[in-house]
Amino acid sequence: EAMQTSNPISPDNLESAKRVVLNRHEGELRTSQYWATMMSGIQEESVPLKGPLSVTDFHAVIESMTTRDLQLTLDCMGLDDAELYTAIGKTVQPEGLVDDGIVKASPMAGMGRGGALKG
């Protein structure tokens, strides 16, 4: 709530955030997982504003952001105390589980010799 009303976003805050986002983006560009994430939904009709330019013009889009753009984004995110919640999870072992101390890998496609391409 403080971000939305009493402490408006300063130009210094915005420039700092831009540096963080762009530096993280530059580092992540070296991974195929990041490329896959960036390109996911690029041809989906359910994501109408995501196209090739969202990948190629990422730097320009971030640089063009203004404090007003960021404030509008925060306003849309639902950061009021009434709209936030906390979830607490607990991991439990099933009854009868024998813990032999060995962590077994889950069977996945491509884990055998020759990889996923071998029949």
Protein backbone atom coordinates (compact mmCIF):
# COMPACT_ATOMS: atom_id res chain seq x y z
CA GLU A 1 0.00 0.00 0.00
CA ALA A 2 2.89 2.35 0.73
CA MET A 3 4.15 1.86 -2.82
CA GLN A 4 0.79 2.88 -4.18
CA THR A 5 0.06 6.03 -2.21
CA SER A 6 2.45 7.65 0.26
CA ASN A 7 5.75 6.76 -1.43
CA PRO A 8 5.49 7.47 -5.13
CA ILE A 9 8.07 5.84 -7.37
CA SER A 10 11.02 8.14 -7.94
CA PRO A 11 13.01 8.37 -11.16
CA ASP A 12 16.00 6.94 -9.24
CA ASN A 13 13.91 3.92 -8.16
CA LEU A 14 12.84 3.39 -11.75
CA GLU A 15 16.38 3.60 -13.17
CA SER A 16 17.63 1.17 -10.53
CA ALA A 17 14.84 -1.29 -11.34
CA LYS A 18 15.57 -0.99 -15.08
CA ARG A 19 19.25 -1.83 -14.46
CA VAL A 20 18.32 -4.90 -12.43
CA VAL A 21 15.83 -6.17 -15.03
CA LEU A 22 18.17 -5.56 -17.98
CA ASN A 23 21.19 -7.12 -16.24
CA ARG A 24 19.14 -10.19 -15.32
CA HIS A 25 17.82 -10.38 -18.88
CA GLU A 26 21.34 -10.19 -20.37
CA GLY A 27 22.54 -12.98 -18.08
CA GLU A 28 19.53 -15.20 -18.71
CA LEU A 29 19.82 -14.86 -22.50
CA ARG A 30 22.62 -17.44 -22.27
CA THR A 31 20.19 -20.18 -21.20
CA SER A 32 17.85 -22.12 -23.45
CA GLN A 33 15.24 -22.25 -20.67
CA TYR A 34 14.99 -18.45 -20.69
CA TRP A 35 14.59 -18.39 -24.47
CA ALA A 36 11.84 -20.99 -24.23
CA THR A 37 10.09 -18.93 -21.54
CA MET A 38 10.42 -15.71 -23.52
CA MET A 39 9.00 -17.35 -26.63
CA SER A 40 6.19 -19.28 -24.94
CA GLY A 41 2.80 -18.00 -25.95
CA ILE A 42 4.21 -16.01 -28.85
CA GLN A 43 1.66 -17.50 -31.26
CA GLU A 44 -1.22 -17.99 -28.83
CA GLU A 45 -4.40 -16.05 -29.48
CA SER A 46 -4.99 -16.00 -25.72
CA VAL A 47 -1.89 -13.78 -25.35
CA PRO A 48 -2.73 -11.13 -27.95
CA LEU A 49 -0.01 -8.60 -27.13
CA LYS A 50 2.87 -11.08 -27.14
CA GLY A 51 4.62 -11.36 -30.47
CA PRO A 52 8.16 -11.51 -31.83
CA LEU A 53 8.76 -7.90 -30.81
CA SER A 54 8.32 -8.85 -27.15
CA VAL A 55 11.55 -10.83 -27.53
CA THR A 56 13.54 -8.66 -29.93
CA ASP A 57 12.56 -5.28 -28.44
CA PHE A 58 12.79 -6.24 -24.75
CA HIS A 59 15.59 -3.75 -24.07
CA ALA A 60 13.75 -0.88 -25.78
CA VAL A 61 10.52 -1.65 -23.91
CA ILE A 62 12.25 -1.63 -20.52
CA GLU A 63 14.14 1.58 -21.34
CA SER A 64 10.90 3.29 -22.40
CA MET A 65 9.15 2.58 -19.06
CA THR A 66 8.18 5.65 -17.03
CA THR A 67 7.37 6.06 -13.36
CA ARG A 68 3.72 6.42 -14.40
CA ASP A 69 3.84 3.08 -16.28
CA LEU A 70 5.26 1.36 -13.23
CA GLN A 71 2.71 3.00 -10.92
CA LEU A 72 -0.16 1.87 -13.16
CA THR A 73 1.26 -1.66 -13.16
CA LEU A 74 1.41 -1.68 -9.36
CA ASP A 75 -2.16 -0.38 -9.18
CA CYS A 76 -3.35 -3.29 -11.37
CA MET A 77 -1.51 -5.98 -9.42
CA GLY A 78 -3.81 -6.00 -6.40
CA LEU A 79 -1.29 -5.26 -3.65
CA ASP A 80 -3.83 -4.08 -1.07
CA ASP A 81 -3.74 -5.99 2.22
CA ALA A 82 -7.29 -7.22 1.60
CA GLU A 83 -6.21 -8.77 -1.71
CA LEU A 84 -3.11 -10.57 -0.42
CA TYR A 85 -3.00 -13.90 1.37
CA THR A 86 -0.47 -16.26 2.88
CA ALA A 87 -0.32 -19.97 2.20
CA ILE A 88 1.50 -22.34 4.51
CA GLY A 89 2.36 -25.79 3.26
CA LYS A 90 3.63 -28.82 5.09
CA THR A 91 5.51 -31.75 3.58
CA VAL A 92 4.67 -35.10 5.12
CA GLN A 93 5.82 -38.62 4.37
CA PRO A 94 3.16 -41.16 3.48
CA GLU A 95 2.42 -43.81 6.09
CA GLY A 96 4.47 -46.96 5.66
CA LEU A 97 7.26 -45.23 3.73
CA VAL A 98 10.61 -46.87 4.41
CA ASP A 99 13.40 -44.31 4.27
CA ASP A 100 16.54 -46.11 3.13
CA GLY A 101 18.43 -42.83 2.68
CA ILE A 102 18.71 -43.24 -1.09
CA VAL A 103 17.14 -40.63 -3.34
CA LYS A 104 15.87 -42.31 -6.49
CA ALA A 105 15.54 -40.51 -9.80
CA SER A 106 12.13 -40.37 -11.40
CA PRO A 107 11.93 -42.22 -14.70
CA MET A 108 11.83 -39.70 -17.53
CA ALA A 109 11.95 -39.88 -21.30
CA GLY A 110 15.50 -39.91 -22.53
CA MET A 111 17.11 -41.23 -19.36
CA GLY A 112 18.24 -44.51 -20.94
CA ARG A 113 21.32 -44.98 -23.09
CA GLY A 114 20.99 -43.24 -26.41
CA GLY A 115 18.63 -40.58 -25.09
CA ALA A 116 15.11 -39.86 -26.21
CA LEU A 117 15.82 -40.49 -29.89
CA LYS A 118 16.62 -44.18 -29.45
CA GLY A 119 13.62 -46.53 -29.70
